[in-house]
Amino acid sequence: MAKVDQPGKPDRTRGSGAQTVYLQLRQAILELALEPGSPLDEVTLSEQFEMSRTPIREALVRLVAEGLAKTLPNRNTVVATIDFAQLPVYFEALTLMYRVTTRAAAINRRPEQMVTIRGFEAAYADAVERRDALDMIQANRDFHVAIAEAGGNSYFTALFTRLLDEGRRILRIYYQSFDDRLPHQYVDEHGSIVDAVEKGEANRADALAAEHAAQIVRQIQSYIARDTVSDITL
């Protein structure tokens, strides 16, 4: 298994060990430093992080819950694979959830929810400015989950959250296709969506969300078709 870079020995305060392992493994997985299918062995990780297996196990449970790792029938844990053959089906579901959650938010949003949504919009814009891809991924996820929550349908929110979490590495490829210099027009798309939701313009919100999803899908499909990702083990 590829070694995860560590800035120093982890803090030993209660609960911090699992958080340290989780954050470092999550970053390595999202950056594709840990390739899809790589083993996440508790014993090896325990030695590597110089801590007991309990926090290692807790970190792996969190990664599995986010769709970044997978527990096999033999109970071993590996980095989740990326099934590019299933991407059209994934994109179809993702696009639908972009649309229905944004439309629902335009109909049902409350003022305090708009404050939360705008906060995540600003966090995303800041991450783009800093070219911090991992913060972009997290802020984008939080932004769209907040919109889904404003829609008021817990089933939609749960499904959309799952799709966004499963697609973190796909989104990493999206930002990589721009060398992490996301064009400002795509940042502005979030602002337009927020404006439509806040004004209660359901049809406009739906259309904006559809186009937002479409441009992401087009960019990812175009990038994957190039040789630049051919060396990724899927």
C-alpha atoms as a PDB file:
ATOM      1  CA  MET A   1       0.000   0.000   0.000  1.00  0.00           C
ATOM      2  CA  ALA A   2       1.244   3.487  -0.851  1.00  0.00           C
ATOM      3  CA  LYS A   3       2.533   5.351   2.176  1.00  0.00           C
ATOM      4  CA  VAL A   4       0.472   8.353   3.260  1.00  0.00           C
ATOM      5  CA  ASP A   5       2.528  11.476   3.900  1.00  0.00           C
ATOM      6  CA  GLN A   6       2.328  12.622   7.497  1.00  0.00           C
ATOM      7  CA  PRO A   7       3.272  16.115   8.671  1.00  0.00           C
ATOM      8  CA  GLY A   8       4.176  14.818  12.126  1.00  0.00           C
ATOM      9  CA  LYS A   9       3.097  12.452  14.841  1.00  0.00           C
ATOM     10  CA  PRO A  10      -0.655  12.580  15.448  1.00  0.00           C
ATOM     11  CA  ASP A  11      -2.166  14.208  18.537  1.00  0.00           C
ATOM     12  CA  ARG A  12      -2.994  11.586  21.135  1.00  0.00           C
ATOM     13  CA  THR A  13      -6.002  13.347  22.658  1.00  0.00           C
ATOM     14  CA  ARG A  14      -9.138  11.198  22.653  1.00  0.00           C
ATOM     15  CA  GLY A  15     -10.806  11.057  19.239  1.00  0.00           C
ATOM     16  CA  SER A  16      -8.074  12.995  17.460  1.00  0.00           C
ATOM     17  CA  GLY A  17      -6.268   9.861  16.299  1.00  0.00           C
ATOM     18  CA  ALA A  18      -9.185   8.663  14.188  1.00  0.00           C
ATOM     19  CA  GLN A  19      -9.637  12.181  12.798  1.00  0.00           C
ATOM     20  CA  THR A  20      -5.964  12.394  11.844  1.00  0.00           C
ATOM     21  CA  VAL A  21      -6.054   9.054  10.039  1.00  0.00           C
ATOM     22  CA  TYR A  22      -9.358   9.870   8.348  1.00  0.00           C
ATOM     23  CA  LEU A  23      -8.213  13.246   7.033  1.00  0.00           C
ATOM     24  CA  GLN A  24      -4.875  11.995   5.715  1.00  0.00           C
ATOM     25  CA  LEU A  25      -6.339   8.907   4.053  1.00  0.00           C
ATOM     26  CA  ARG A  26      -9.219  10.936   2.637  1.00  0.00           C
ATOM     27  CA  GLN A  27      -6.805  13.432   1.097  1.00  0.00           C
ATOM     28  CA  ALA A  28      -4.649  10.659  -0.368  1.00  0.00           C
ATOM     29  CA  ILE A  29      -7.734   8.972  -1.862  1.00  0.00           C
ATOM     30  CA  LEU A  30      -9.176  12.178  -3.313  1.00  0.00           C
ATOM     31  CA  GLU A  31      -5.808  13.157  -4.775  1.00  0.00           C
ATOM     32  CA  LEU A  32      -5.577   9.631  -6.246  1.00  0.00           C
ATOM     33  CA  ALA A  33      -2.268   9.105  -4.408  1.00  0.00           C
ATOM     34  CA  LEU A  34      -3.971   5.983  -3.089  1.00  0.00           C
ATOM     35  CA  GLU A  35      -5.205   4.325  -6.245  1.00  0.00           C
ATOM     36  CA  PRO A  36      -8.654   2.733  -6.516  1.00  0.00           C
ATOM     37  CA  GLY A  37      -8.475  -0.826  -5.208  1.00  0.00           C
ATOM     38  CA  SER A  38      -5.476  -0.175  -2.949  1.00  0.00           C
ATOM     39  CA  PRO A  39      -5.680  -2.164   0.304  1.00  0.00           C
ATOM     40  CA  LEU A  40      -6.356  -0.317   3.550  1.00  0.00           C
ATOM     41  CA  ASP A  41      -4.965  -2.822   5.994  1.00  0.00           C
ATOM     42  CA  GLU A  42      -5.566  -2.045   9.677  1.00  0.00           C
ATOM     43  CA  VAL A  43      -2.295  -3.590  10.831  1.00  0.00           C
ATOM     44  CA  THR A  44      -0.194  -1.757   8.254  1.00  0.00           C
ATOM     45  CA  LEU A  45      -1.947   1.543   8.930  1.00  0.00           C
ATOM     46  CA  SER A  46      -1.588   1.048  12.681  1.00  0.00           C
ATOM     47  CA  GLU A  47       2.170   0.723  12.270  1.00  0.00           C
ATOM     48  CA  GLN A  48       2.336   3.601   9.816  1.00  0.00           C
ATOM     49  CA  PHE A  49       0.424   6.025  12.040  1.00  0.00           C
ATOM     50  CA  GLU A  50       1.922   4.625  15.243  1.00  0.00           C
ATOM     51  CA  MET A  51      -1.393   4.124  17.008  1.00  0.00           C
ATOM     52  CA  SER A  52      -3.744   1.319  17.968  1.00  0.00           C
ATOM     53  CA  ARG A  53      -6.124  -0.320  15.513  1.00  0.00           C
ATOM     54  CA  THR A  54      -9.232   1.235  17.115  1.00  0.00           C
ATOM     55  CA  PRO A  55      -8.812   4.749  15.642  1.00  0.00           C
ATOM     56  CA  ILE A  56      -7.722   3.169  12.353  1.00  0.00           C
ATOM     57  CA  ARG A  57     -10.946   1.182  12.260  1.00  0.00           C
ATOM     58  CA  GLU A  58     -13.016   4.279  13.098  1.00  0.00           C
ATOM     59  CA  ALA A  59     -11.386   6.218  10.260  1.00  0.00           C
ATOM     60  CA  LEU A  60     -12.032   3.407   7.781  1.00  0.00           C
ATOM     61  CA  VAL A  61     -15.698   3.245   8.803  1.00  0.00           C
ATOM     62  CA  ARG A  62     -16.036   6.949   7.964  1.00  0.00           C
ATOM     63  CA  LEU A  63     -14.358   6.470   4.588  1.00  0.00           C
ATOM     64  CA  VAL A  64     -16.653   3.557   3.765  1.00  0.00           C
ATOM     65  CA  ALA A  65     -19.686   5.642   4.734  1.00  0.00           C
ATOM     66  CA  GLU A  66     -18.550   8.354   2.299  1.00  0.00           C
ATOM     67  CA  GLY A  67     -18.099   5.876  -0.528  1.00  0.00           C
ATOM     68  CA  LEU A  68     -14.329   6.403  -0.659  1.00  0.00           C
ATOM     69  CA  ALA A  69     -13.538   2.931   0.673  1.00  0.00           C
ATOM     70  CA  LYS A  70     -15.245  -0.419   0.454  1.00  0.00           C
ATOM     71  CA  THR A  71     -15.380  -3.421   2.778  1.00  0.00           C
ATOM     72  CA  LEU A  72     -15.016  -6.687   0.869  1.00  0.00           C
ATOM     73  CA  PRO A  73     -16.810  -9.962   1.734  1.00  0.00           C
ATOM     74  CA  ASN A  74     -13.612 -11.192   3.402  1.00  0.00           C
ATOM     75  CA  ARG A  75     -13.871  -8.078   5.638  1.00  0.00           C
ATOM     76  CA  ASN A  76     -10.754  -6.476   4.167  1.00  0.00           C
ATOM     77  CA  THR A  77     -11.068  -2.794   3.276  1.00  0.00           C
ATOM     78  CA  VAL A  78      -9.840  -1.259   0.024  1.00  0.00           C
ATOM     79  CA  VAL A  79     -10.019   2.118  -1.676  1.00  0.00           C
ATOM     80  CA  ALA A  80     -13.287   2.158  -3.619  1.00  0.00           C
ATOM     81  CA  THR A  81     -12.920   1.627  -7.335  1.00  0.00           C
ATOM     82  CA  ILE A  82     -14.134   4.127  -9.919  1.00  0.00           C
ATOM     83  CA  ASP A  83     -16.450   2.366 -12.342  1.00  0.00           C
ATOM     84  CA  PHE A  84     -16.152   4.588 -15.391  1.00  0.00           C
ATOM     85  CA  ALA A  85     -18.494   2.272 -17.318  1.00  0.00           C
ATOM     86  CA  GLN A  86     -21.271   3.306 -14.934  1.00  0.00           C
ATOM     87  CA  LEU A  87     -20.615   7.025 -15.267  1.00  0.00           C
ATOM     88  CA  PRO A  88     -23.503   7.685 -17.700  1.00  0.00           C
ATOM     89  CA  VAL A  89     -25.942   6.193 -15.184  1.00  0.00           C
ATOM     90  CA  TYR A  90     -24.313   8.143 -12.356  1.00  0.00           C
ATOM     91  CA  PHE A  91     -24.447  11.399 -14.311  1.00  0.00           C
ATOM     92  CA  GLU A  92     -28.119  10.821 -15.132  1.00  0.00           C
ATOM     93  CA  ALA A  93     -28.981  10.422 -11.454  1.00  0.00           C
ATOM     94  CA  LEU A  94     -26.761  13.330 -10.427  1.00  0.00           C
ATOM     95  CA  THR A  95     -28.307  15.694 -12.980  1.00  0.00           C
ATOM     96  CA  LEU A  96     -31.817  14.762 -11.890  1.00  0.00           C
ATOM     97  CA  MET A  97     -30.987  15.451  -8.248  1.00  0.00           C
ATOM     98  CA  TYR A  98     -29.389  18.799  -9.109  1.00  0.00           C
ATOM     99  CA  ARG A  99     -32.662  19.787 -10.746  1.00  0.00           C
ATOM    100  CA  VAL A 100     -35.261  18.481  -8.306  1.00  0.00           C
ATOM    101  CA  THR A 101     -33.463  19.699  -5.180  1.00  0.00           C
ATOM    102  CA  THR A 102     -32.846  23.169  -6.616  1.00  0.00           C
ATOM    103  CA  ARG A 103     -36.441  23.466  -7.819  1.00  0.00           C
ATOM    104  CA  ALA A 104     -37.766  22.335  -4.437  1.00  0.00           C
ATOM    105  CA  ALA A 105     -35.513  24.823  -2.654  1.00  0.00           C
ATOM    106  CA  ALA A 106     -36.919  27.680  -4.750  1.00  0.00           C
ATOM    107  CA  ILE A 107     -40.389  26.707  -3.584  1.00  0.00           C
ATOM    108  CA  ASN A 108     -39.740  25.865   0.070  1.00  0.00           C
ATOM    109  CA  ARG A 109     -36.627  27.782   1.207  1.00  0.00           C
ATOM    110  CA  ARG A 110     -36.665  29.777   4.428  1.00  0.00           C
ATOM    111  CA  PRO A 111     -34.647  32.966   5.065  1.00  0.00           C
ATOM    112  CA  GLU A 112     -32.307  31.326   7.584  1.00  0.00           C
ATOM    113  CA  GLN A 113     -31.549  28.569   5.077  1.00  0.00           C
ATOM    114  CA  MET A 114     -30.520  31.151   2.511  1.00  0.00           C
ATOM    115  CA  VAL A 115     -27.947  32.472   4.985  1.00  0.00           C
ATOM    116  CA  THR A 116     -26.421  28.989   5.200  1.00  0.00           C
ATOM    117  CA  ILE A 117     -26.472  28.525   1.432  1.00  0.00           C
ATOM    118  CA  ARG A 118     -24.781  31.871   0.828  1.00  0.00           C
ATOM    119  CA  GLY A 119     -22.135  30.983   3.402  1.00  0.00           C
ATOM    120  CA  PHE A 120     -21.205  27.848   1.472  1.00  0.00           C
ATOM    121  CA  GLU A 121     -21.330  29.792  -1.802  1.00  0.00           C
ATOM    122  CA  ALA A 122     -18.738  32.194  -0.383  1.00  0.00           C
ATOM    123  CA  ALA A 123     -16.601  29.323   0.951  1.00  0.00           C
ATOM    124  CA  TYR A 124     -16.590  27.750  -2.507  1.00  0.00           C
ATOM    125  CA  ALA A 125     -15.586  31.001  -4.200  1.00  0.00           C
ATOM    126  CA  ASP A 126     -12.770  31.407  -1.678  1.00  0.00           C
ATOM    127  CA  ALA A 127     -11.514  27.868  -2.307  1.00  0.00           C
ATOM    128  CA  VAL A 128     -11.543  28.502  -6.058  1.00  0.00           C
ATOM    129  CA  GLU A 129      -9.553  31.690  -5.565  1.00  0.00           C
ATOM    130  CA  ARG A 130      -6.971  29.744  -3.515  1.00  0.00           C
ATOM    131  CA  ARG A 131      -6.949  26.875  -6.053  1.00  0.00           C
ATOM    132  CA  ASP A 132      -7.547  24.449  -3.186  1.00  0.00           C
ATOM    133  CA  ALA A 133      -9.233  21.535  -4.948  1.00  0.00           C
ATOM    134  CA  LEU A 134     -10.068  19.577  -1.794  1.00  0.00           C
ATOM    135  CA  ASP A 135     -11.730  22.621  -0.229  1.00  0.00           C
ATOM    136  CA  MET A 136     -13.580  23.180  -3.516  1.00  0.00           C
ATOM    137  CA  ILE A 137     -14.907  19.632  -3.392  1.00  0.00           C
ATOM    138  CA  GLN A 138     -16.038  19.986   0.222  1.00  0.00           C
ATOM    139  CA  ALA A 139     -17.587  23.433  -0.200  1.00  0.00           C
ATOM    140  CA  ASN A 140     -19.374  22.358  -3.386  1.00  0.00           C
ATOM    141  CA  ARG A 141     -20.790  19.338  -1.588  1.00  0.00           C
ATOM    142  CA  ASP A 142     -21.930  21.426   1.384  1.00  0.00           C
ATOM    143  CA  PHE A 143     -23.456  24.068  -0.916  1.00  0.00           C
ATOM    144  CA  HIS A 144     -25.616  21.603  -2.819  1.00  0.00           C
ATOM    145  CA  VAL A 145     -26.587  19.640   0.293  1.00  0.00           C
ATOM    146  CA  ALA A 146     -27.722  22.902   1.913  1.00  0.00           C
ATOM    147  CA  ILE A 147     -29.883  23.620  -1.136  1.00  0.00           C
ATOM    148  CA  ALA A 148     -31.337  20.113  -0.947  1.00  0.00           C
ATOM    149  CA  GLU A 149     -32.120  20.581   2.740  1.00  0.00           C
ATOM    150  CA  ALA A 150     -33.887  23.841   1.903  1.00  0.00           C
ATOM    151  CA  GLY A 151     -36.072  21.841  -0.474  1.00  0.00           C
ATOM    152  CA  GLY A 152     -37.562  20.028   2.477  1.00  0.00           C
ATOM    153  CA  ASN A 153     -37.536  16.457   1.120  1.00  0.00           C
ATOM    154  CA  SER A 154     -35.296  14.285   3.306  1.00  0.00           C
ATOM    155  CA  TYR A 155     -35.282  11.447   0.763  1.00  0.00           C
ATOM    156  CA  PHE A 156     -33.982  13.747  -1.973  1.00  0.00           C
ATOM    157  CA  THR A 157     -31.389  15.146   0.431  1.00  0.00           C
ATOM    158  CA  ALA A 158     -30.157  11.692   1.440  1.00  0.00           C
ATOM    159  CA  LEU A 159     -29.853  10.479  -2.156  1.00  0.00           C
ATOM    160  CA  PHE A 160     -28.170  13.651  -3.389  1.00  0.00           C
ATOM    161  CA  THR A 161     -25.716  13.610  -0.483  1.00  0.00           C
ATOM    162  CA  ARG A 162     -24.800  10.022  -1.315  1.00  0.00           C
ATOM    163  CA  LEU A 163     -24.262  10.870  -4.992  1.00  0.00           C
ATOM    164  CA  LEU A 164     -22.123  13.898  -4.143  1.00  0.00           C
ATOM    165  CA  ASP A 165     -20.009  11.877  -1.703  1.00  0.00           C
ATOM    166  CA  GLU A 166     -19.537   9.024  -4.175  1.00  0.00           C
ATOM    167  CA  GLY A 167     -18.510  11.504  -6.857  1.00  0.00           C
ATOM    168  CA  ARG A 168     -15.769  13.312  -4.909  1.00  0.00           C
ATOM    169  CA  ARG A 169     -12.960  11.773  -6.972  1.00  0.00           C
ATOM    170  CA  ILE A 170     -14.848  12.405 -10.187  1.00  0.00           C
ATOM    171  CA  LEU A 171     -15.106  16.050  -9.160  1.00  0.00           C
ATOM    172  CA  ARG A 172     -11.386  16.009  -8.409  1.00  0.00           C
ATOM    173  CA  ILE A 173     -10.820  15.002 -12.031  1.00  0.00           C
ATOM    174  CA  TYR A 174     -13.097  17.886 -13.076  1.00  0.00           C
ATOM    175  CA  TYR A 175     -10.943  20.466 -11.280  1.00  0.00           C
ATOM    176  CA  GLN A 176      -7.793  18.730 -12.488  1.00  0.00           C
ATOM    177  CA  SER A 177      -8.999  19.234 -16.056  1.00  0.00           C
ATOM    178  CA  PHE A 178      -8.661  22.988 -15.417  1.00  0.00           C
ATOM    179  CA  ASP A 179      -5.337  22.575 -13.612  1.00  0.00           C
ATOM    180  CA  ASP A 180      -7.330  23.660 -10.535  1.00  0.00           C
ATOM    181  CA  ARG A 181      -7.892  27.083 -12.140  1.00  0.00           C
ATOM    182  CA  LEU A 182     -11.663  26.944 -12.397  1.00  0.00           C
ATOM    183  CA  PRO A 183     -13.013  29.578 -14.822  1.00  0.00           C
ATOM    184  CA  HIS A 184     -14.898  32.265 -12.932  1.00  0.00           C
ATOM    185  CA  GLN A 185     -18.006  31.751 -15.053  1.00  0.00           C
ATOM    186  CA  TYR A 186     -18.526  28.412 -13.297  1.00  0.00           C
ATOM    187  CA  VAL A 187     -18.234  30.063  -9.904  1.00  0.00           C
ATOM    188  CA  ASP A 188     -20.856  32.574 -11.066  1.00  0.00           C
ATOM    189  CA  GLU A 189     -23.207  29.672 -11.835  1.00  0.00           C
ATOM    190  CA  HIS A 190     -23.564  29.077  -8.101  1.00  0.00           C
ATOM    191  CA  GLY A 191     -24.491  32.719  -7.631  1.00  0.00           C
ATOM    192  CA  SER A 192     -27.164  32.539 -10.318  1.00  0.00           C
ATOM    193  CA  ILE A 193     -28.637  29.415  -8.739  1.00  0.00           C
ATOM    194  CA  VAL A 194     -28.754  31.101  -5.317  1.00  0.00           C
ATOM    195  CA  ASP A 195     -30.457  34.143  -6.824  1.00  0.00           C
ATOM    196  CA  ALA A 196     -33.162  32.011  -8.461  1.00  0.00           C
ATOM    197  CA  VAL A 197     -33.741  30.017  -5.278  1.00  0.00           C
ATOM    198  CA  GLU A 198     -33.948  33.137  -3.120  1.00  0.00           C
ATOM    199  CA  LYS A 199     -36.442  34.772  -5.498  1.00  0.00           C
ATOM    200  CA  GLY A 200     -38.583  31.634  -5.594  1.00  0.00           C
ATOM    201  CA  GLU A 201     -38.171  31.225  -9.358  1.00  0.00           C
ATOM    202  CA  ALA A 202     -38.597  27.460  -9.567  1.00  0.00           C
ATOM    203  CA  ASN A 203     -38.443  27.099 -13.360  1.00  0.00           C
ATOM    204  CA  ARG A 204     -35.337  29.260 -13.622  1.00  0.00           C
ATOM    205  CA  ALA A 205     -33.693  27.419 -10.735  1.00  0.00           C
ATOM    206  CA  ASP A 206     -34.421  24.109 -12.451  1.00  0.00           C
ATOM    207  CA  ALA A 207     -32.963  25.300 -15.763  1.00  0.00           C
ATOM    208  CA  LEU A 208     -29.844  26.739 -14.137  1.00  0.00           C
ATOM    209  CA  ALA A 209     -29.232  23.546 -12.169  1.00  0.00           C
ATOM    210  CA  ALA A 210     -29.646  21.465 -15.334  1.00  0.00           C
ATOM    211  CA  GLU A 211     -27.092  23.536 -17.232  1.00  0.00           C
ATOM    212  CA  HIS A 212     -24.729  23.555 -14.243  1.00  0.00           C
ATOM    213  CA  ALA A 213     -24.791  19.762 -14.158  1.00  0.00           C
ATOM    214  CA  ALA A 214     -24.501  19.515 -17.948  1.00  0.00           C
ATOM    215  CA  GLN A 215     -21.314  21.566 -18.161  1.00  0.00           C
ATOM    216  CA  ILE A 216     -19.692  19.491 -15.411  1.00  0.00           C
ATOM    217  CA  VAL A 217     -20.620  16.276 -17.198  1.00  0.00           C
ATOM    218  CA  ARG A 218     -19.340  17.570 -20.556  1.00  0.00           C
ATOM    219  CA  GLN A 219     -16.028  18.671 -19.076  1.00  0.00           C
ATOM    220  CA  ILE A 220     -15.442  15.390 -17.247  1.00  0.00           C
ATOM    221  CA  GLN A 221     -16.360  13.268 -20.259  1.00  0.00           C
ATOM    222  CA  SER A 222     -14.053  15.310 -22.487  1.00  0.00           C
ATOM    223  CA  TYR A 223     -11.171  15.053 -20.038  1.00  0.00           C
ATOM    224  CA  ILE A 224     -11.572  11.328 -19.462  1.00  0.00           C
ATOM    225  CA  ALA A 225     -11.492  10.794 -23.218  1.00  0.00           C
ATOM    226  CA  ARG A 226      -7.968  12.209 -23.314  1.00  0.00           C
ATOM    227  CA  ASP A 227      -4.803  10.280 -22.588  1.00  0.00           C
ATOM    228  CA  THR A 228      -4.182  12.410 -19.479  1.00  0.00           C
ATOM    229  CA  VAL A 229      -6.121  10.018 -17.229  1.00  0.00           C
ATOM    230  CA  SER A 230      -5.143   6.793 -18.926  1.00  0.00           C
ATOM    231  CA  ASP A 231      -2.616   5.978 -16.212  1.00  0.00           C
ATOM    232  CA  ILE A 232      -5.197   5.954 -13.414  1.00  0.00           C
ATOM    233  CA  THR A 233      -5.979   2.464 -12.165  1.00  0.00           C
ATOM    234  CA  LEU A 234      -9.756   2.299 -12.123  1.00  0.00           C
END
